[in-house]
PDB file of N, CA and C in Angstrom:
ATOM      1  N   MET A   1     103.238  65.080 110.767  1.00  0.00           N
ATOM      2  CA  MET A   1     102.959  65.143 109.356  1.00  0.00           C
ATOM      3  C   MET A   1     101.540  64.645 109.091  1.00  0.00           C
ATOM      4  N   THR A   2     100.981  65.173 108.021  1.00  0.00           N
ATOM      5  CA  THR A   2      99.633  64.808 107.607  1.00  0.00           C
ATOM      6  C   THR A   2      99.709  64.035 106.302  1.00  0.00           C
ATOM      7  N   GLU A   3      98.856  63.036 106.150  1.00  0.00           N
ATOM      8  CA  GLU A   3      98.811  62.311 104.887  1.00  0.00           C
ATOM      9  C   GLU A   3      98.058  63.127 103.857  1.00  0.00           C
ATOM     10  N   GLY A   4      98.542  63.092 102.628  1.00  0.00           N
ATOM     11  CA  GLY A   4      97.903  63.818 101.543  1.00  0.00           C
ATOM     12  C   GLY A   4      98.137  63.099 100.241  1.00  0.00           C
ATOM     13  N   SER A   5      97.870  63.813  99.153  1.00  0.00           N
ATOM     14  CA  SER A   5      98.065  63.251  97.810  1.00  0.00           C
ATOM     15  C   SER A   5      98.703  64.291  96.905  1.00  0.00           C
ATOM     16  N   CYS A   6      99.426  63.789  95.929  1.00  0.00           N
ATOM     17  CA  CYS A   6      99.967  64.617  94.869  1.00  0.00           C
ATOM     18  C   CYS A   6      99.194  64.271  93.598  1.00  0.00           C
ATOM     19  N   LEU A   7      98.773  65.284  92.887  1.00  0.00           N
ATOM     20  CA  LEU A   7      98.082  65.131  91.610  1.00  0.00           C
ATOM     21  C   LEU A   7      98.961  65.757  90.549  1.00  0.00           C
ATOM     22  N   ARG A   8      99.262  65.016  89.497  1.00  0.00           N
ATOM     23  CA  ARG A   8     100.063  65.559  88.402  1.00  0.00           C
ATOM     24  C   ARG A   8      99.310  65.328  87.098  1.00  0.00           C
ATOM     25  N   ILE A   9      99.188  66.391  86.318  1.00  0.00           N
ATOM     26  CA  ILE A   9      98.494  66.331  85.042  1.00  0.00           C
ATOM     27  C   ILE A   9      99.487  66.686  83.950  1.00  0.00           C
ATOM     28  N   TYR A  10      99.619  65.786  82.971  1.00  0.00           N
ATOM     29  CA  TYR A  10     100.548  65.956  81.860  1.00  0.00           C
ATOM     30  C   TYR A  10      99.773  66.432  80.629  1.00  0.00           C
ATOM     31  N   MET A  11     100.294  67.447  79.966  1.00  0.00           N
ATOM     32  CA  MET A  11      99.664  67.971  78.753  1.00  0.00           C
ATOM     33  C   MET A  11     100.696  68.736  77.949  1.00  0.00           C
ATOM     34  N   SER A  12     100.275  69.331  76.858  1.00  0.00           N
ATOM     35  CA  SER A  12     101.179  70.190  76.092  1.00  0.00           C
ATOM     36  C   SER A  12     100.610  71.609  76.086  1.00  0.00           C
ATOM     37  N   GLU A  13     101.453  72.559  75.750  1.00  0.00           N
ATOM     38  CA  GLU A  13     101.019  73.956  75.716  1.00  0.00           C
ATOM     39  C   GLU A  13      99.863  74.172  74.746  1.00  0.00           C
ATOM     40  N   SER A  14      99.776  73.352  73.714  1.00  0.00           N
ATOM     41  CA  SER A  14      98.730  73.534  72.713  1.00  0.00           C
ATOM     42  C   SER A  14      97.420  72.832  73.079  1.00  0.00           C
ATOM     43  N   SER A  15      97.393  72.094  74.193  1.00  0.00           N
ATOM     44  CA  SER A  15      96.174  71.385  74.602  1.00  0.00           C
ATOM     45  C   SER A  15      95.062  72.378  74.927  1.00  0.00           C
ATOM     46  N   LYS A  16      93.841  71.977  74.595  1.00  0.00           N
ATOM     47  CA  LYS A  16      92.652  72.793  74.870  1.00  0.00           C
ATOM     48  C   LYS A  16      91.671  71.981  75.696  1.00  0.00           C
ATOM     49  N   ILE A  17      90.972  72.669  76.588  1.00  0.00           N
ATOM     50  CA  ILE A  17      89.897  72.075  77.373  1.00  0.00           C
ATOM     51  C   ILE A  17      88.728  73.045  77.321  1.00  0.00           C
ATOM     52  N   ASP A  18      87.601  72.558  76.873  1.00  0.00           N
ATOM     53  CA  ASP A  18      86.398  73.385  76.747  1.00  0.00           C
ATOM     54  C   ASP A  18      86.680  74.667  75.956  1.00  0.00           C
ATOM     55  N   GLY A  19      87.534  74.553  74.928  1.00  0.00           N
ATOM     56  CA  GLY A  19      87.830  75.682  74.054  1.00  0.00           C
ATOM     57  C   GLY A  19      88.852  76.672  74.589  1.00  0.00           C
ATOM     58  N   LYS A  20      89.353  76.450  75.798  1.00  0.00           N
ATOM     59  CA  LYS A  20      90.348  77.340  76.406  1.00  0.00           C
ATOM     60  C   LYS A  20      91.687  76.625  76.483  1.00  0.00           C
ATOM     61  N   PRO A  21      92.782  77.388  76.607  1.00  0.00           N
ATOM     62  CA  PRO A  21      94.066  76.712  76.857  1.00  0.00           C
ATOM     63  C   PRO A  21      93.934  75.812  78.086  1.00  0.00           C
ATOM     64  N   ALA A  22      94.399  74.578  77.974  1.00  0.00           N
ATOM     65  CA  ALA A  22      94.225  73.587  79.032  1.00  0.00           C
ATOM     66  C   ALA A  22      94.789  74.057  80.367  1.00  0.00           C
ATOM     67  N   MET A  23      95.946  74.723  80.331  1.00  0.00           N
ATOM     68  CA  MET A  23      96.556  75.175  81.578  1.00  0.00           C
ATOM     69  C   MET A  23      95.614  76.120  82.327  1.00  0.00           C
ATOM     70  N   GLU A  24      95.042  77.082  81.636  1.00  0.00           N
ATOM     71  CA  GLU A  24      94.126  78.038  82.273  1.00  0.00           C
ATOM     72  C   GLU A  24      92.884  77.332  82.798  1.00  0.00           C
ATOM     73  N   ALA A  25      92.330  76.421  81.998  1.00  0.00           N
ATOM     74  CA  ALA A  25      91.122  75.707  82.402  1.00  0.00           C
ATOM     75  C   ALA A  25      91.368  74.859  83.642  1.00  0.00           C
ATOM     76  N   ILE A  26      92.490  74.155  83.675  1.00  0.00           N
ATOM     77  CA  ILE A  26      92.778  73.284  84.822  1.00  0.00           C
ATOM     78  C   ILE A  26      93.070  74.108  86.068  1.00  0.00           C
ATOM     79  N   LEU A  27      93.797  75.207  85.928  1.00  0.00           N
ATOM     80  CA  LEU A  27      94.041  76.068  87.093  1.00  0.00           C
ATOM     81  C   LEU A  27      92.723  76.606  87.654  1.00  0.00           C
ATOM     82  N   ALA A  28      91.809  76.982  86.783  1.00  0.00           N
ATOM     83  CA  ALA A  28      90.500  77.462  87.237  1.00  0.00           C
ATOM     84  C   ALA A  28      89.741  76.355  87.963  1.00  0.00           C
ATOM     85  N   LEU A  29      89.800  75.126  87.431  1.00  0.00           N
ATOM     86  CA  LEU A  29      89.145  73.992  88.092  1.00  0.00           C
ATOM     87  C   LEU A  29      89.788  73.697  89.448  1.00  0.00           C
ATOM     88  N   CYS A  30      91.119  73.784  89.523  1.00  0.00           N
ATOM     89  CA  CYS A  30      91.816  73.577  90.803  1.00  0.00           C
ATOM     90  C   CYS A  30      91.383  74.624  91.826  1.00  0.00           C
ATOM     91  N   GLN A  31      91.292  75.858  91.388  1.00  0.00           N
ATOM     92  CA  GLN A  31      90.871  76.934  92.291  1.00  0.00           C
ATOM     93  C   GLN A  31      89.432  76.704  92.754  1.00  0.00           C
ATOM     94  N   HIS A  32      88.567  76.339  91.817  1.00  0.00           N
ATOM     95  CA  HIS A  32      87.161  76.067  92.142  1.00  0.00           C
ATOM     96  C   HIS A  32      87.044  74.916  93.147  1.00  0.00           C
ATOM     97  N   ALA A  33      87.936  73.931  93.032  1.00  0.00           N
ATOM     98  CA  ALA A  33      87.923  72.772  93.939  1.00  0.00           C
ATOM     99  C   ALA A  33      88.535  73.088  95.294  1.00  0.00           C
ATOM    100  N   GLY A  34      89.151  74.256  95.433  1.00  0.00           N
ATOM    101  CA  GLY A  34      89.731  74.652  96.718  1.00  0.00           C
ATOM    102  C   GLY A  34      91.149  74.174  96.949  1.00  0.00           C
ATOM    103  N   LEU A  35      91.841  73.717  95.895  1.00  0.00           N
ATOM    104  CA  LEU A  35      93.235  73.290  96.072  1.00  0.00           C
ATOM    105  C   LEU A  35      94.097  74.510  96.367  1.00  0.00           C
ATOM    106  N   ARG A  36      95.080  74.328  97.240  1.00  0.00           N
ATOM    107  CA  ARG A  36      95.903  75.456  97.663  1.00  0.00           C
ATOM    108  C   ARG A  36      97.321  75.407  97.133  1.00  0.00           C
ATOM    109  N   GLY A  37      97.858  74.245  96.880  1.00  0.00           N
ATOM    110  CA  GLY A  37      99.243  74.135  96.426  1.00  0.00           C
ATOM    111  C   GLY A  37      99.305  73.635  94.999  1.00  0.00           C
ATOM    112  N   VAL A  38      99.243  74.531  94.012  1.00  0.00           N
ATOM    113  CA  VAL A  38      99.226  74.137  92.607  1.00  0.00           C
ATOM    114  C   VAL A  38     100.334  74.878  91.872  1.00  0.00           C
ATOM    115  N   SER A  39     101.120  74.145  91.080  1.00  0.00           N
ATOM    116  CA  SER A  39     102.196  74.745  90.285  1.00  0.00           C
ATOM    117  C   SER A  39     102.103  74.260  88.850  1.00  0.00           C
ATOM    118  N   VAL A  40     102.528  75.114  87.921  1.00  0.00           N
ATOM    119  CA  VAL A  40     102.622  74.744  86.512  1.00  0.00           C
ATOM    120  C   VAL A  40     104.100  74.743  86.155  1.00  0.00           C
ATOM    121  N   LEU A  41     104.562  73.641  85.583  1.00  0.00           N
ATOM    122  CA  LEU A  41     105.957  73.493  85.188  1.00  0.00           C
ATOM    123  C   LEU A  41     106.022  73.314  83.679  1.00  0.00           C
ATOM    124  N   ARG A  42     106.889  74.074  83.031  1.00  0.00           N
ATOM    125  CA  ARG A  42     107.051  73.979  81.587  1.00  0.00           C
ATOM    126  C   ARG A  42     108.301  73.165  81.287  1.00  0.00           C
ATOM    127  N   GLY A  43     108.133  72.109  80.505  1.00  0.00           N
ATOM    128  CA  GLY A  43     109.259  71.267  80.139  1.00  0.00           C
ATOM    129  C   GLY A  43     110.023  71.841  78.962  1.00  0.00           C
ATOM    130  N   ILE A  44     111.292  71.486  78.869  1.00  0.00           N
ATOM    131  CA  ILE A  44     112.093  71.935  77.728  1.00  0.00           C
ATOM    132  C   ILE A  44     112.116  70.891  76.624  1.00  0.00           C
ATOM    133  N   GLU A  45     111.704  69.667  76.968  1.00  0.00           N
ATOM    134  CA  GLU A  45     111.640  68.609  75.976  1.00  0.00           C
ATOM    135  C   GLU A  45     110.756  67.499  76.514  1.00  0.00           C
ATOM    136  N   GLY A  46     110.073  66.808  75.616  1.00  0.00           N
ATOM    137  CA  GLY A  46     109.237  65.713  76.055  1.00  0.00           C
ATOM    138  C   GLY A  46     108.860  64.808  74.904  1.00  0.00           C
ATOM    139  N   LEU A  47     108.446  63.602  75.247  1.00  0.00           N
ATOM    140  CA  LEU A  47     107.992  62.620  74.274  1.00  0.00           C
ATOM    141  C   LEU A  47     106.561  62.280  74.625  1.00  0.00           C
ATOM    142  N   GLY A  48     105.658  62.478  73.673  1.00  0.00           N
ATOM    143  CA  GLY A  48     104.247  62.208  73.917  1.00  0.00           C
ATOM    144  C   GLY A  48     103.637  61.478  72.745  1.00  0.00           C
ATOM    145  N   GLN A  49     102.310  61.441  72.711  1.00  0.00           N
ATOM    146  CA  GLN A  49     101.628  60.681  71.673  1.00  0.00           C
ATOM    147  C   GLN A  49     101.875  61.253  70.278  1.00  0.00           C
ATOM    148  N   HIS A  50     102.310  62.511  70.180  1.00  0.00           N
ATOM    149  CA  HIS A  50     102.583  63.124  68.874  1.00  0.00           C
ATOM    150  C   HIS A  50     104.080  63.274  68.618  1.00  0.00           C
ATOM    151  N   GLY A  51     104.904  62.478  69.271  1.00  0.00           N
ATOM    152  CA  GLY A  51     106.341  62.491  69.035  1.00  0.00           C
ATOM    153  C   GLY A  51     107.093  63.351  70.032  1.00  0.00           C
ATOM    154  N   ILE A  52     108.316  63.720  69.659  1.00  0.00           N
ATOM    155  CA  ILE A  52     109.190  64.514  70.519  1.00  0.00           C
ATOM    156  C   ILE A  52     108.916  65.994  70.309  1.00  0.00           C
ATOM    157  N   HIS A  53     108.799  66.713  71.418  1.00  0.00           N
ATOM    158  CA  HIS A  53     108.633  68.163  71.398  1.00  0.00           C
ATOM    159  C   HIS A  53     109.835  68.746  72.109  1.00  0.00           C
ATOM    160  N   SER A  54     110.487  69.713  71.476  1.00  0.00           N
ATOM    161  CA  SER A  54     111.734  70.226  72.023  1.00  0.00           C
ATOM    162  C   SER A  54     111.817  71.731  71.843  1.00  0.00           C
ATOM    163  N   ALA A  55     112.460  72.397  72.789  1.00  0.00           N
ATOM    164  CA  ALA A  55     112.737  73.826  72.675  1.00  0.00           C
ATOM    165  C   ALA A  55     114.178  73.975  72.224  1.00  0.00           C
ATOM    166  N   SER A  56     114.385  74.840  71.271  1.00  0.00           N
ATOM    167  CA  SER A  56     115.750  75.127  70.844  1.00  0.00           C
ATOM    168  C   SER A  56     115.849  76.606  70.533  1.00  0.00           C
ATOM    169  N   PHE A  57     117.065  77.099  70.428  1.00  0.00           N
ATOM    170  CA  PHE A  57     117.258  78.513  70.124  1.00  0.00           C
ATOM    171  C   PHE A  57     116.790  78.844  68.707  1.00  0.00           C
ATOM    172  N   LEU A  58     116.837  77.876  67.801  1.00  0.00           N
ATOM    173  CA  LEU A  58     116.455  78.126  66.420  1.00  0.00           C
ATOM    174  C   LEU A  58     114.958  77.999  66.194  1.00  0.00           C
ATOM    175  N   ASP A  59     114.285  77.232  67.032  1.00  0.00           N
ATOM    176  CA  ASP A  59     112.864  76.968  66.840  1.00  0.00           C
ATOM    177  C   ASP A  59     112.144  77.118  68.170  1.00  0.00           C
ATOM    178  N   LEU A  60     111.372  78.171  68.336  1.00  0.00           N
ATOM    179  CA  LEU A  60     110.623  78.360  69.574  1.00  0.00           C
ATOM    180  C   LEU A  60     109.342  77.545  69.488  1.00  0.00           C
ATOM    181  N   ALA A  61     109.362  76.378  70.068  1.00  0.00           N
ATOM    182  CA  ALA A  61     108.226  75.466  69.998  1.00  0.00           C
ATOM    183  C   ALA A  61     107.035  76.035  70.766  1.00  0.00           C
ATOM    184  N   THR A  62     105.848  75.788  70.245  1.00  0.00           N
ATOM    185  CA  THR A  62     104.639  76.250  70.915  1.00  0.00           C
ATOM    186  C   THR A  62     103.844  75.091  71.501  1.00  0.00           C
ATOM    187  N   SER A  63     104.416  73.895  71.462  1.00  0.00           N
ATOM    188  CA  SER A  63     103.712  72.739  71.989  1.00  0.00           C
ATOM    189  C   SER A  63     104.611  71.948  72.942  1.00  0.00           C
ATOM    190  N   LEU A  64     105.277  72.662  73.814  1.00  0.00           N
ATOM    191  CA  LEU A  64     106.148  72.005  74.792  1.00  0.00           C
ATOM    192  C   LEU A  64     105.314  71.347  75.886  1.00  0.00           C
ATOM    193  N   PRO A  65     105.907  70.385  76.591  1.00  0.00           N
ATOM    194  CA  PRO A  65     105.168  69.716  77.653  1.00  0.00           C
ATOM    195  C   PRO A  65     104.923  70.640  78.843  1.00  0.00           C
ATOM    196  N   LEU A  66     103.756  70.479  79.452  1.00  0.00           N
ATOM    197  CA  LEU A  66     103.409  71.180  80.684  1.00  0.00           C
ATOM    198  C   LEU A  66     103.011  70.142  81.728  1.00  0.00           C
ATOM    199  N   LEU A  67     103.392  70.397  82.968  1.00  0.00           N
ATOM    200  CA  LEU A  67     102.949  69.592  84.099  1.00  0.00           C
ATOM    201  C   LEU A  67     102.228  70.519  85.055  1.00  0.00           C
ATOM    202  N   ILE A  68     101.065  70.127  85.471  1.00  0.00           N
ATOM    203  CA  ILE A  68     100.377  70.849  86.540  1.00  0.00           C
ATOM    204  C   ILE A  68     100.384  69.910  87.731  1.00  0.00           C
ATOM    205  N   GLU A  69     100.927  70.397  88.831  1.00  0.00           N
ATOM    206  CA  GLU A  69     101.059  69.553  90.019  1.00  0.00           C
ATOM    207  C   GLU A  69     100.358  70.230  91.183  1.00  0.00           C
ATOM    208  N   ALA A  70      99.547  69.448  91.886  1.00  0.00           N
ATOM    209  CA  ALA A  70      98.832  69.933  93.064  1.00  0.00           C
ATOM    210  C   ALA A  70      99.117  68.993  94.221  1.00  0.00           C
ATOM    211  N   ILE A  71      99.362  69.566  95.381  1.00  0.00           N
ATOM    212  CA  ILE A  71      99.575  68.780  96.596  1.00  0.00           C
ATOM    213  C   ILE A  71      98.624  69.319  97.647  1.00  0.00           C
ATOM    214  N   ASP A  72      97.821  68.424  98.209  1.00  0.00           N
ATOM    215  CA  ASP A  72      96.827  68.830  99.197  1.00  0.00           C
ATOM    216  C   ASP A  72      96.397  67.580  99.952  1.00  0.00           C
ATOM    217  N   THR A  73      95.387  67.705 100.794  1.00  0.00           N
ATOM    218  CA  THR A  73      94.864  66.527 101.473  1.00  0.00           C
ATOM    219  C   THR A  73      94.262  65.591 100.427  1.00  0.00           C
ATOM    220  N   SER A  74      94.228  64.324 100.735  1.00  0.00           N
ATOM    221  CA  SER A  74      93.660  63.341  99.807  1.00  0.00           C
ATOM    222  C   SER A  74      92.205  63.672  99.484  1.00  0.00           C
ATOM    223  N   GLU A  75      91.476  64.132 100.476  1.00  0.00           N
ATOM    224  CA  GLU A  75      90.068  64.500 100.280  1.00  0.00           C
ATOM    225  C   GLU A  75      89.929  65.632  99.260  1.00  0.00           C
ATOM    226  N   HIS A  76      90.764  66.658  99.368  1.00  0.00           N
ATOM    227  CA  HIS A  76      90.705  67.778  98.419  1.00  0.00           C
ATOM    228  C   HIS A  76      91.108  67.344  97.010  1.00  0.00           C
ATOM    229  N   ILE A  77      92.138  66.497  96.912  1.00  0.00           N
ATOM    230  CA  ILE A  77      92.584  66.021  95.602  1.00  0.00           C
ATOM    231  C   ILE A  77      91.490  65.173  94.951  1.00  0.00           C
ATOM    232  N   GLU A  78      90.857  64.287  95.721  1.00  0.00           N
ATOM    233  CA  GLU A  78      89.788  63.452  95.171  1.00  0.00           C
ATOM    234  C   GLU A  78      88.621  64.299  94.690  1.00  0.00           C
ATOM    235  N   ARG A  79      88.247  65.314  95.468  1.00  0.00           N
ATOM    236  CA  ARG A  79      87.156  66.202  95.068  1.00  0.00           C
ATOM    237  C   ARG A  79      87.525  66.953  93.787  1.00  0.00           C
ATOM    238  N   ALA A  80      88.758  67.428  93.702  1.00  0.00           N
ATOM    239  CA  ALA A  80      89.220  68.140  92.505  1.00  0.00           C
ATOM    240  C   ALA A  80      89.177  67.226  91.285  1.00  0.00           C
ATOM    241  N   LEU A  81      89.613  65.969  91.447  1.00  0.00           N
ATOM    242  CA  LEU A  81      89.587  65.019  90.332  1.00  0.00           C
ATOM    243  C   LEU A  81      88.169  64.776  89.828  1.00  0.00           C
ATOM    244  N   GLU A  82      87.218  64.671  90.743  1.00  0.00           N
ATOM    245  CA  GLU A  82      85.826  64.463  90.338  1.00  0.00           C
ATOM    246  C   GLU A  82      85.323  65.652  89.508  1.00  0.00           C
ATOM    247  N   LEU A  83      85.700  66.861  89.897  1.00  0.00           N
ATOM    248  CA  LEU A  83      85.308  68.052  89.129  1.00  0.00           C
ATOM    249  C   LEU A  83      85.994  68.093  87.769  1.00  0.00           C
ATOM    250  N   MET A  84      87.247  67.638  87.712  1.00  0.00           N
ATOM    251  CA  MET A  84      88.045  67.748  86.496  1.00  0.00           C
ATOM    252  C   MET A  84      87.780  66.647  85.478  1.00  0.00           C
ATOM    253  N   LYS A  85      87.440  65.431  85.930  1.00  0.00           N
ATOM    254  CA  LYS A  85      87.332  64.279  85.027  1.00  0.00           C
ATOM    255  C   LYS A  85      86.561  64.565  83.737  1.00  0.00           C
ATOM    256  N   PRO A  86      85.401  65.211  83.795  1.00  0.00           N
ATOM    257  CA  PRO A  86      84.667  65.440  82.547  1.00  0.00           C
ATOM    258  C   PRO A  86      85.369  66.396  81.579  1.00  0.00           C
ATOM    259  N   HIS A  87      86.399  67.108  82.052  1.00  0.00           N
ATOM    260  CA  HIS A  87      87.035  68.149  81.242  1.00  0.00           C
ATOM    261  C   HIS A  87      88.446  67.797  80.778  1.00  0.00           C
ATOM    262  N   LEU A  88      89.020  66.717  81.267  1.00  0.00           N
ATOM    263  CA  LEU A  88      90.439  66.460  81.045  1.00  0.00           C
ATOM    264  C   LEU A  88      90.806  65.964  79.653  1.00  0.00           C
ATOM    265  N   GLY A  89      89.845  65.491  78.895  1.00  0.00           N
ATOM    266  CA  GLY A  89      90.148  65.052  77.532  1.00  0.00           C
ATOM    267  C   GLY A  89      91.260  64.017  77.506  1.00  0.00           C
ATOM    268  N   ASP A  90      92.312  64.270  76.691  1.00  0.00           N
ATOM    269  CA  ASP A  90      93.396  63.292  76.546  1.00  0.00           C
ATOM    270  C   ASP A  90      94.591  63.570  77.454  1.00  0.00           C
ATOM    271  N   CYS A  91      94.411  64.414  78.465  1.00  0.00           N
ATOM    272  CA  CYS A  91      95.496  64.667  79.418  1.00  0.00           C
ATOM    273  C   CYS A  91      95.767  63.397  80.233  1.00  0.00           C
ATOM    274  N   MET A  92      97.030  63.151  80.538  1.00  0.00           N
ATOM    275  CA  MET A  92      97.414  62.025  81.388  1.00  0.00           C
ATOM    276  C   MET A  92      97.435  62.515  82.831  1.00  0.00           C
ATOM    277  N   VAL A  93      96.886  61.711  83.735  1.00  0.00           N
ATOM    278  CA  VAL A  93      96.779  62.086  85.142  1.00  0.00           C
ATOM    279  C   VAL A  93      97.437  61.017  85.999  1.00  0.00           C
ATOM    280  N   ALA A  94      98.196  61.452  87.003  1.00  0.00           N
ATOM    281  CA  ALA A  94      98.806  60.529  87.959  1.00  0.00           C
ATOM    282  C   ALA A  94      98.591  61.070  89.369  1.00  0.00           C
ATOM    283  N   THR A  95      98.385  60.180  90.316  1.00  0.00           N
ATOM    284  CA  THR A  95      98.283  60.566  91.730  1.00  0.00           C
ATOM    285  C   THR A  95      99.091  59.590  92.563  1.00  0.00           C
ATOM    286  N   TRP A  96      99.559  60.067  93.705  1.00  0.00           N
ATOM    287  CA  TRP A  96     100.247  59.192  94.646  1.00  0.00           C
ATOM    288  C   TRP A  96     100.209  59.833  96.032  1.00  0.00           C
ATOM    289  N   PRO A  97     100.359  59.006  97.067  1.00  0.00           N
ATOM    290  CA  PRO A  97     100.320  59.524  98.436  1.00  0.00           C
ATOM    291  C   PRO A  97     101.593  60.309  98.771  1.00  0.00           C
ATOM    292  N   VAL A  98     101.428  61.352  99.576  1.00  0.00           N
ATOM    293  CA  VAL A  98     102.558  62.144 100.058  1.00  0.00           C
ATOM    294  C   VAL A  98     102.355  62.437 101.545  1.00  0.00           C
ATOM    295  N   ALA A  99     103.431  62.803 102.204  1.00  0.00           N
ATOM    296  CA  ALA A  99     103.368  63.275 103.585  1.00  0.00           C
ATOM    297  C   ALA A  99     103.449  64.798 103.542  1.00  0.00           C
ATOM    298  N   LEU A 100     102.453  65.463 104.115  1.00  0.00           N
ATOM    299  CA  LEU A 100     102.396  66.925 104.109  1.00  0.00           C
ATOM    300  C   LEU A 100     102.974  67.469 105.403  1.00  0.00           C
ATOM    301  N   MET A 101     103.822  68.452 105.278  1.00  0.00           N
ATOM    302  CA  MET A 101     104.423  69.071 106.463  1.00  0.00           C
ATOM    303  C   MET A 101     104.689  70.540 106.157  1.00  0.00           C
ATOM    304  N   ARG A 102     104.295  71.399 107.051  1.00  0.00           N
ATOM    305  CA  ARG A 102     104.613  72.822 106.948  1.00  0.00           C
ATOM    306  C   ARG A 102     105.721  73.115 107.947  1.00  0.00           C
ATOM    307  N   ASN A 103     106.508  74.125 107.661  1.00  0.00           N
ATOM    308  CA  ASN A 103     107.565  74.533 108.581  1.00  0.00           C
ATOM    309  C   ASN A 103     106.984  74.722 109.979  1.00  0.00           C
ATOM    310  N   GLY A 104     107.605  74.152 110.965  1.00  0.00           N
ATOM    311  CA  GLY A 104     107.137  74.299 112.338  1.00  0.00           C
ATOM    312  C   GLY A 104     106.224  73.171 112.797  1.00  0.00           C
ATOM    313  N   GLU A 105     105.843  72.270 111.888  1.00  0.00           N
ATOM    314  CA  GLU A 105     104.959  71.157 112.287  1.00  0.00           C
ATOM    315  C   GLU A 105     105.773  69.945 112.660  1.00  0.00           C
TER     316      GLU A 105
END
């Protein structure tokens, strides 16, 4: 196994970065930084600085929580963070160490 890092960025669907939807902007920054394992997860409910955001059948919310998660070597994650820091605005960011393993390793 190889040591790596997990990067998780918390935001809402309505978040903007540099005038673009935050999700698109962050994915572009991740790609530019060379990250290979990036996923976007849409939450069905969340509590943030603007209260509770929830999806229901009666009300299709447009500001649900989003998580962008990247797993790569620590070096790649650190480089990506340096590129992203000036653009992240009020997004919450968390990182932690992970063990990386591909099938067959």
